[in-house]
PDB file of N, CA and C in Angstrom:
ATOM      1  N   MET A   1     -76.781-113.416 -30.354  1.00  0.00           N
ATOM      2  CA  MET A   1     -76.791-113.740 -32.548  1.00  0.00           C
ATOM      3  C   MET A   1     -78.020-114.792 -32.043  1.00  0.00           C
ATOM      4  N   GLY A   2     -79.145-114.078 -32.941  1.00  0.00           N
ATOM      5  CA  GLY A   2     -80.116-114.718 -32.542  1.00  0.00           C
ATOM      6  C   GLY A   2     -80.526-115.673 -34.481  1.00  0.00           C
ATOM      7  N   GLY A   3     -81.563-116.340 -34.644  1.00  0.00           N
ATOM      8  CA  GLY A   3     -81.264-116.915 -35.932  1.00  0.00           C
ATOM      9  C   GLY A   3     -80.217-118.016 -36.110  1.00  0.00           C
ATOM     10  N   ARG A   4     -79.833-118.977 -35.382  1.00  0.00           N
ATOM     11  CA  ARG A   4     -78.844-119.378 -35.353  1.00  0.00           C
ATOM     12  C   ARG A   4     -78.961-120.845 -34.492  1.00  0.00           C
ATOM     13  N   ALA A   5     -78.574-121.953 -35.507  1.00  0.00           N
ATOM     14  CA  ALA A   5     -79.064-123.278 -34.798  1.00  0.00           C
ATOM     15  C   ALA A   5     -77.415-123.561 -35.054  1.00  0.00           C
ATOM     16  N   HIS A   6     -76.895-124.986 -34.175  1.00  0.00           N
ATOM     17  CA  HIS A   6     -75.409-125.379 -34.187  1.00  0.00           C
ATOM     18  C   HIS A   6     -75.878-126.810 -33.627  1.00  0.00           C
ATOM     19  N   ARG A   7     -74.787-127.649 -33.589  1.00  0.00           N
ATOM     20  CA  ARG A   7     -74.294-128.690 -32.714  1.00  0.00           C
ATOM     21  C   ARG A   7     -73.242-129.179 -33.313  1.00  0.00           C
ATOM     22  N   SER A   8     -72.609-129.749 -32.567  1.00  0.00           N
ATOM     23  CA  SER A   8     -71.065-130.307 -32.630  1.00  0.00           C
ATOM     24  C   SER A   8     -70.989-131.431 -31.829  1.00  0.00           C
ATOM     25  N   GLU A   9     -70.160-132.640 -32.437  1.00  0.00           N
ATOM     26  CA  GLU A   9     -69.715-133.829 -32.135  1.00  0.00           C
ATOM     27  C   GLU A   9     -68.400-133.795 -32.117  1.00  0.00           C
ATOM     28  N   GLU A  10     -67.770-134.614 -30.625  1.00  0.00           N
ATOM     29  CA  GLU A  10     -66.084-134.843 -31.195  1.00  0.00           C
ATOM     30  C   GLU A  10     -66.636-136.839 -31.628  1.00  0.00           C
ATOM     31  N   LEU A  11     -65.755-136.711 -32.796  1.00  0.00           N
ATOM     32  CA  LEU A  11     -65.264-138.055 -33.435  1.00  0.00           C
ATOM     33  C   LEU A  11     -63.895-138.403 -33.548  1.00  0.00           C
ATOM     34  N   ASP A  12     -63.367-139.853 -31.945  1.00  0.00           N
ATOM     35  CA  ASP A  12     -62.053-139.664 -32.262  1.00  0.00           C
ATOM     36  C   ASP A  12     -61.574-138.340 -32.601  1.00  0.00           C
ATOM     37  N   ASP A  13     -60.703-137.964 -33.060  1.00  0.00           N
ATOM     38  CA  ASP A  13     -59.691-136.626 -33.020  1.00  0.00           C
ATOM     39  C   ASP A  13     -60.160-135.815 -34.581  1.00  0.00           C
ATOM     40  N   CYS A  14     -61.581-136.125 -35.035  1.00  0.00           N
ATOM     41  CA  CYS A  14     -61.872-135.282 -35.682  1.00  0.00           C
ATOM     42  C   CYS A  14     -63.302-134.584 -35.425  1.00  0.00           C
ATOM     43  N   THR A  15     -63.448-133.029 -35.673  1.00  0.00           N
ATOM     44  CA  THR A  15     -64.906-132.808 -34.825  1.00  0.00           C
ATOM     45  C   THR A  15     -65.786-132.519 -36.260  1.00  0.00           C
ATOM     46  N   VAL A  16     -66.757-132.704 -35.986  1.00  0.00           N
ATOM     47  CA  VAL A  16     -67.799-132.440 -36.927  1.00  0.00           C
ATOM     48  C   VAL A  16     -69.021-131.516 -36.266  1.00  0.00           C
ATOM     49  N   ASP A  17     -69.154-129.924 -36.608  1.00  0.00           N
ATOM     50  CA  ASP A  17     -70.254-129.439 -37.139  1.00  0.00           C
ATOM     51  C   ASP A  17     -71.284-129.209 -37.565  1.00  0.00           C
ATOM     52  N   TYR A  18     -72.179-129.274 -37.484  1.00  0.00           N
ATOM     53  CA  TYR A  18     -73.679-128.403 -38.123  1.00  0.00           C
ATOM     54  C   TYR A  18     -74.095-126.953 -37.826  1.00  0.00           C
ATOM     55  N   ALA A  19     -74.213-126.080 -38.488  1.00  0.00           N
ATOM     56  CA  ALA A  19     -74.674-124.817 -38.820  1.00  0.00           C
ATOM     57  C   ALA A  19     -75.517-124.656 -39.692  1.00  0.00           C
ATOM     58  N   THR A  20     -76.615-123.780 -38.528  1.00  0.00           N
ATOM     59  CA  THR A  20     -78.390-123.334 -39.673  1.00  0.00           C
ATOM     60  C   THR A  20     -77.768-121.762 -39.383  1.00  0.00           C
ATOM     61  N   PHE A  21     -78.005-120.943 -40.345  1.00  0.00           N
ATOM     62  CA  PHE A  21     -78.255-119.587 -39.648  1.00  0.00           C
ATOM     63  C   PHE A  21     -79.277-118.923 -40.519  1.00  0.00           C
ATOM     64  N   ARG A  22     -79.925-118.340 -39.858  1.00  0.00           N
ATOM     65  CA  ARG A  22     -81.850-118.076 -40.230  1.00  0.00           C
ATOM     66  C   ARG A  22     -81.447-116.696 -40.603  1.00  0.00           C
ATOM     67  N   GLU A  23     -80.762-115.895 -40.332  1.00  0.00           N
ATOM     68  CA  GLU A  23     -80.780-114.196 -40.560  1.00  0.00           C
ATOM     69  C   GLU A  23     -79.092-114.242 -41.036  1.00  0.00           C
ATOM     70  N   ASN A  24     -78.959-112.907 -41.281  1.00  0.00           N
ATOM     71  CA  ASN A  24     -77.978-112.450 -41.861  1.00  0.00           C
ATOM     72  C   ASN A  24     -77.399-111.695 -40.755  1.00  0.00           C
ATOM     73  N   ASN A  25     -76.111-112.279 -40.322  1.00  0.00           N
ATOM     74  CA  ASN A  25     -75.175-111.557 -38.978  1.00  0.00           C
ATOM     75  C   ASN A  25     -73.992-111.786 -39.245  1.00  0.00           C
ATOM     76  N   ASP A  26     -73.125-110.552 -38.644  1.00  0.00           N
ATOM     77  CA  ASP A  26     -71.930-110.267 -38.742  1.00  0.00           C
ATOM     78  C   ASP A  26     -71.105-110.870 -37.838  1.00  0.00           C
ATOM     79  N   HIS A  27     -70.453-111.773 -38.201  1.00  0.00           N
ATOM     80  CA  HIS A  27     -69.875-113.279 -37.084  1.00  0.00           C
ATOM     81  C   HIS A  27     -69.016-112.642 -36.612  1.00  0.00           C
ATOM     82  N   THR A  28     -68.180-111.859 -36.984  1.00  0.00           N
ATOM     83  CA  THR A  28     -66.607-110.964 -37.101  1.00  0.00           C
ATOM     84  C   THR A  28     -66.710-111.191 -35.307  1.00  0.00           C
ATOM     85  N   PRO A  29     -67.368-109.991 -34.730  1.00  0.00           N
ATOM     86  CA  PRO A  29     -66.937-110.112 -33.133  1.00  0.00           C
ATOM     87  C   PRO A  29     -66.998-111.421 -32.893  1.00  0.00           C
ATOM     88  N   LEU A  30     -67.188-111.997 -33.619  1.00  0.00           N
ATOM     89  CA  LEU A  30     -67.225-114.088 -32.401  1.00  0.00           C
ATOM     90  C   LEU A  30     -65.837-114.532 -32.968  1.00  0.00           C
ATOM     91  N   LEU A  31     -65.280-114.085 -33.577  1.00  0.00           N
ATOM     92  CA  LEU A  31     -63.643-114.475 -34.131  1.00  0.00           C
ATOM     93  C   LEU A  31     -62.850-113.687 -33.639  1.00  0.00           C
ATOM     94  N   LYS A  32     -62.789-113.033 -32.662  1.00  0.00           N
ATOM     95  CA  LYS A  32     -62.131-111.464 -31.931  1.00  0.00           C
ATOM     96  C   LYS A  32     -61.141-112.545 -30.676  1.00  0.00           C
ATOM     97  N   GLY A  33     -59.692-112.447 -31.200  1.00  0.00           N
ATOM     98  CA  GLY A  33     -58.490-113.203 -29.765  1.00  0.00           C
ATOM     99  C   GLY A  33     -58.155-113.959 -30.788  1.00  0.00           C
ATOM    100  N   LEU A  34     -58.432-114.456 -32.279  1.00  0.00           N
ATOM    101  CA  LEU A  34     -57.738-115.272 -32.724  1.00  0.00           C
ATOM    102  C   LEU A  34     -56.777-115.021 -33.520  1.00  0.00           C
ATOM    103  N   PRO A  35     -56.029-115.253 -34.171  1.00  0.00           N
ATOM    104  CA  PRO A  35     -54.903-115.009 -34.825  1.00  0.00           C
ATOM    105  C   PRO A  35     -55.528-114.332 -36.208  1.00  0.00           C
ATOM    106  N   GLU A  36     -55.066-112.943 -36.572  1.00  0.00           N
ATOM    107  CA  GLU A  36     -55.844-112.229 -37.314  1.00  0.00           C
ATOM    108  C   GLU A  36     -57.102-112.089 -36.939  1.00  0.00           C
ATOM    109  N   ASP A  37     -57.593-112.406 -36.017  1.00  0.00           N
ATOM    110  CA  ASP A  37     -59.550-112.112 -35.704  1.00  0.00           C
ATOM    111  C   ASP A  37     -60.269-112.980 -36.646  1.00  0.00           C
ATOM    112  N   ARG A  38     -59.489-113.816 -37.304  1.00  0.00           N
ATOM    113  CA  ARG A  38     -60.241-114.665 -38.080  1.00  0.00           C
ATOM    114  C   ARG A  38     -60.609-116.469 -37.837  1.00  0.00           C
ATOM    115  N   CYS A  39     -61.073-116.902 -38.659  1.00  0.00           N
ATOM    116  CA  CYS A  39     -61.184-118.379 -38.019  1.00  0.00           C
ATOM    117  C   CYS A  39     -60.398-119.128 -39.338  1.00  0.00           C
ATOM    118  N   GLN A  40     -59.024-120.263 -38.105  1.00  0.00           N
ATOM    119  CA  GLN A  40     -58.095-120.496 -38.911  1.00  0.00           C
ATOM    120  C   GLN A  40     -58.663-121.816 -39.517  1.00  0.00           C
ATOM    121  N   CYS A  41     -59.824-122.490 -39.383  1.00  0.00           N
ATOM    122  CA  CYS A  41     -60.016-124.082 -39.948  1.00  0.00           C
ATOM    123  C   CYS A  41     -60.855-123.257 -41.350  1.00  0.00           C
ATOM    124  N   PRO A  42     -60.285-124.628 -41.988  1.00  0.00           N
ATOM    125  CA  PRO A  42     -60.967-124.442 -43.693  1.00  0.00           C
ATOM    126  C   PRO A  42     -62.131-124.679 -43.407  1.00  0.00           C
ATOM    127  N   HIS A  43     -63.206-124.200 -44.770  1.00  0.00           N
ATOM    128  CA  HIS A  43     -64.110-124.475 -45.280  1.00  0.00           C
ATOM    129  C   HIS A  43     -64.676-125.081 -45.953  1.00  0.00           C
ATOM    130  N   THR A  44     -65.717-125.649 -46.080  1.00  0.00           N
ATOM    131  CA  THR A  44     -65.557-126.117 -47.478  1.00  0.00           C
ATOM    132  C   THR A  44     -67.640-126.058 -47.532  1.00  0.00           C
ATOM    133  N   ALA A  45     -68.230-125.379 -47.043  1.00  0.00           N
ATOM    134  CA  ALA A  45     -69.494-125.364 -47.119  1.00  0.00           C
ATOM    135  C   ALA A  45     -69.953-123.938 -46.687  1.00  0.00           C
ATOM    136  N   PRO A  46     -69.753-122.853 -47.605  1.00  0.00           N
ATOM    137  CA  PRO A  46     -70.347-121.858 -47.483  1.00  0.00           C
ATOM    138  C   PRO A  46     -71.763-121.648 -48.078  1.00  0.00           C
ATOM    139  N   GLY A  47     -72.479-120.589 -47.234  1.00  0.00           N
ATOM    140  CA  GLY A  47     -73.896-120.225 -46.991  1.00  0.00           C
ATOM    141  C   GLY A  47     -74.692-120.191 -46.277  1.00  0.00           C
ATOM    142  N   THR A  48     -76.309-120.399 -45.859  1.00  0.00           N
ATOM    143  CA  THR A  48     -77.132-120.717 -45.002  1.00  0.00           C
ATOM    144  C   THR A  48     -77.270-122.204 -44.029  1.00  0.00           C
ATOM    145  N   GLU A  49     -76.085-123.009 -44.726  1.00  0.00           N
ATOM    146  CA  GLU A  49     -76.265-124.407 -43.690  1.00  0.00           C
ATOM    147  C   GLU A  49     -74.361-124.509 -43.992  1.00  0.00           C
ATOM    148  N   ALA A  50     -74.288-125.178 -43.031  1.00  0.00           N
ATOM    149  CA  ALA A  50     -72.544-125.712 -43.181  1.00  0.00           C
ATOM    150  C   ALA A  50     -72.405-126.733 -41.988  1.00  0.00           C
ATOM    151  N   LEU A  51     -71.650-128.172 -42.880  1.00  0.00           N
ATOM    152  CA  LEU A  51     -71.221-128.962 -42.487  1.00  0.00           C
ATOM    153  C   LEU A  51     -69.965-129.223 -42.577  1.00  0.00           C
ATOM    154  N   GLN A  52     -69.395-129.080 -41.620  1.00  0.00           N
ATOM    155  CA  GLN A  52     -67.605-129.226 -41.388  1.00  0.00           C
ATOM    156  C   GLN A  52     -67.145-130.133 -40.776  1.00  0.00           C
ATOM    157  N   PHE A  53     -66.339-130.866 -41.181  1.00  0.00           N
ATOM    158  CA  PHE A  53     -65.247-131.395 -40.603  1.00  0.00           C
ATOM    159  C   PHE A  53     -63.904-131.252 -40.221  1.00  0.00           C
ATOM    160  N   GLY A  54     -63.514-131.434 -38.938  1.00  0.00           N
ATOM    161  CA  GLY A  54     -61.963-131.022 -39.315  1.00  0.00           C
ATOM    162  C   GLY A  54     -61.174-131.626 -38.231  1.00  0.00           C
ATOM    163  N   PRO A  55     -60.204-131.211 -38.159  1.00  0.00           N
ATOM    164  CA  PRO A  55     -59.303-131.677 -36.929  1.00  0.00           C
ATOM    165  C   PRO A  55     -59.707-131.000 -35.162  1.00  0.00           C
ATOM    166  N   THR A  56     -59.650-132.131 -34.677  1.00  0.00           N
ATOM    167  CA  THR A  56     -60.309-131.162 -33.506  1.00  0.00           C
ATOM    168  C   THR A  56     -59.704-130.547 -32.615  1.00  0.00           C
ATOM    169  N   LEU A  57     -58.006-131.138 -33.076  1.00  0.00           N
ATOM    170  CA  LEU A  57     -56.927-129.783 -32.107  1.00  0.00           C
ATOM    171  C   LEU A  57     -57.346-128.476 -33.037  1.00  0.00           C
ATOM    172  N   GLU A  58     -57.613-128.725 -34.298  1.00  0.00           N
ATOM    173  CA  GLU A  58     -57.109-127.574 -34.768  1.00  0.00           C
ATOM    174  C   GLU A  58     -58.634-126.387 -34.418  1.00  0.00           C
ATOM    175  N   VAL A  59     -59.963-127.153 -34.281  1.00  0.00           N
ATOM    176  CA  VAL A  59     -60.719-126.383 -34.408  1.00  0.00           C
ATOM    177  C   VAL A  59     -61.083-126.488 -32.892  1.00  0.00           C
ATOM    178  N   ARG A  60     -60.590-126.972 -32.003  1.00  0.00           N
ATOM    179  CA  ARG A  60     -60.640-126.219 -30.480  1.00  0.00           C
ATOM    180  C   ARG A  60     -60.746-124.889 -30.182  1.00  0.00           C
ATOM    181  N   PRO A  61     -60.113-124.270 -30.736  1.00  0.00           N
ATOM    182  CA  PRO A  61     -59.567-123.169 -29.992  1.00  0.00           C
ATOM    183  C   PRO A  61     -60.283-121.755 -30.884  1.00  0.00           C
ATOM    184  N   THR A  62     -60.761-122.138 -32.104  1.00  0.00           N
ATOM    185  CA  THR A  62     -61.952-121.366 -32.662  1.00  0.00           C
ATOM    186  C   THR A  62     -63.326-121.992 -31.649  1.00  0.00           C
ATOM    187  N   SER A  63     -63.484-122.590 -31.587  1.00  0.00           N
ATOM    188  CA  SER A  63     -64.884-122.488 -31.267  1.00  0.00           C
ATOM    189  C   SER A  63     -64.983-122.169 -29.637  1.00  0.00           C
ATOM    190  N   GLU A  64     -63.939-122.297 -29.182  1.00  0.00           N
ATOM    191  CA  GLU A  64     -63.391-121.495 -27.845  1.00  0.00           C
ATOM    192  C   GLU A  64     -63.315-120.375 -27.879  1.00  0.00           C
ATOM    193  N   ALA A  65     -62.904-119.562 -28.486  1.00  0.00           N
ATOM    194  CA  ALA A  65     -63.116-118.183 -29.047  1.00  0.00           C
ATOM    195  C   ALA A  65     -64.303-117.759 -28.975  1.00  0.00           C
ATOM    196  N   ILE A  66     -65.079-118.568 -30.624  1.00  0.00           N
ATOM    197  CA  ILE A  66     -66.495-118.559 -30.624  1.00  0.00           C
ATOM    198  C   ILE A  66     -67.075-117.990 -29.419  1.00  0.00           C
ATOM    199  N   MET A  67     -67.479-119.401 -28.504  1.00  0.00           N
ATOM    200  CA  MET A  67     -68.450-119.245 -27.216  1.00  0.00           C
ATOM    201  C   MET A  67     -68.176-117.833 -26.135  1.00  0.00           C
ATOM    202  N   LYS A  68     -66.770-117.984 -26.069  1.00  0.00           N
ATOM    203  CA  LYS A  68     -66.564-117.017 -25.120  1.00  0.00           C
ATOM    204  C   LYS A  68     -66.533-115.531 -25.762  1.00  0.00           C
ATOM    205  N   ASN A  69     -66.622-114.962 -26.919  1.00  0.00           N
ATOM    206  CA  ASN A  69     -67.086-113.839 -27.420  1.00  0.00           C
ATOM    207  C   ASN A  69     -68.624-113.875 -27.669  1.00  0.00           C
ATOM    208  N   LEU A  70     -69.124-114.386 -27.979  1.00  0.00           N
ATOM    209  CA  LEU A  70     -70.844-115.243 -27.640  1.00  0.00           C
ATOM    210  C   LEU A  70     -71.077-114.804 -26.654  1.00  0.00           C
ATOM    211  N   GLN A  71     -71.069-115.190 -25.929  1.00  0.00           N
ATOM    212  CA  GLN A  71     -71.214-115.247 -24.114  1.00  0.00           C
ATOM    213  C   GLN A  71     -70.942-113.451 -23.741  1.00  0.00           C
ATOM    214  N   ALA A  72     -69.806-112.989 -24.390  1.00  0.00           N
ATOM    215  CA  ALA A  72     -69.992-111.707 -23.803  1.00  0.00           C
ATOM    216  C   ALA A  72     -70.806-110.426 -24.463  1.00  0.00           C
ATOM    217  N   THR A  73     -70.841-111.189 -25.888  1.00  0.00           N
ATOM    218  CA  THR A  73     -72.195-110.110 -26.826  1.00  0.00           C
ATOM    219  C   THR A  73     -73.443-110.381 -26.144  1.00  0.00           C
ATOM    220  N   GLN A  74     -73.337-111.553 -25.254  1.00  0.00           N
ATOM    221  CA  GLN A  74     -74.823-112.070 -24.788  1.00  0.00           C
ATOM    222  C   GLN A  74     -75.202-110.615 -23.385  1.00  0.00           C
ATOM    223  N   LYS A  75     -74.071-111.078 -22.809  1.00  0.00           N
ATOM    224  CA  LYS A  75     -74.293-110.188 -21.293  1.00  0.00           C
ATOM    225  C   LYS A  75     -73.728-109.080 -21.930  1.00  0.00           C
ATOM    226  N   ALA A  76     -73.852-108.059 -22.538  1.00  0.00           N
ATOM    227  CA  ALA A  76     -73.670-107.013 -23.133  1.00  0.00           C
ATOM    228  C   ALA A  76     -74.966-106.559 -23.907  1.00  0.00           C
ATOM    229  N   SER A  77     -75.983-107.132 -24.242  1.00  0.00           N
ATOM    230  CA  SER A  77     -76.784-107.155 -24.971  1.00  0.00           C
ATOM    231  C   SER A  77     -78.312-107.626 -23.682  1.00  0.00           C
ATOM    232  N   GLY A  78     -77.707-107.799 -22.856  1.00  0.00           N
ATOM    233  CA  GLY A  78     -79.133-108.030 -21.884  1.00  0.00           C
ATOM    234  C   GLY A  78     -79.024-107.842 -20.440  1.00  0.00           C
TER     235      GLY A  78
END
């Protein structure tokens, strides 16, 4: 998935994510494997740029699923 920049840092028990989406992409495949194949974290910033703060223990499963599915997508297309 191109057109995406992402940075994530853990601060104590909080995870801070900043993401920029430069292209329209369907992110649904990246959430496969999560309950209802959907992100379980609340989102406060929709749009092409997002700054999110969330409890690390709740954010971690979503981040791990996204990375696993992103790697599988890249292997399939490469």
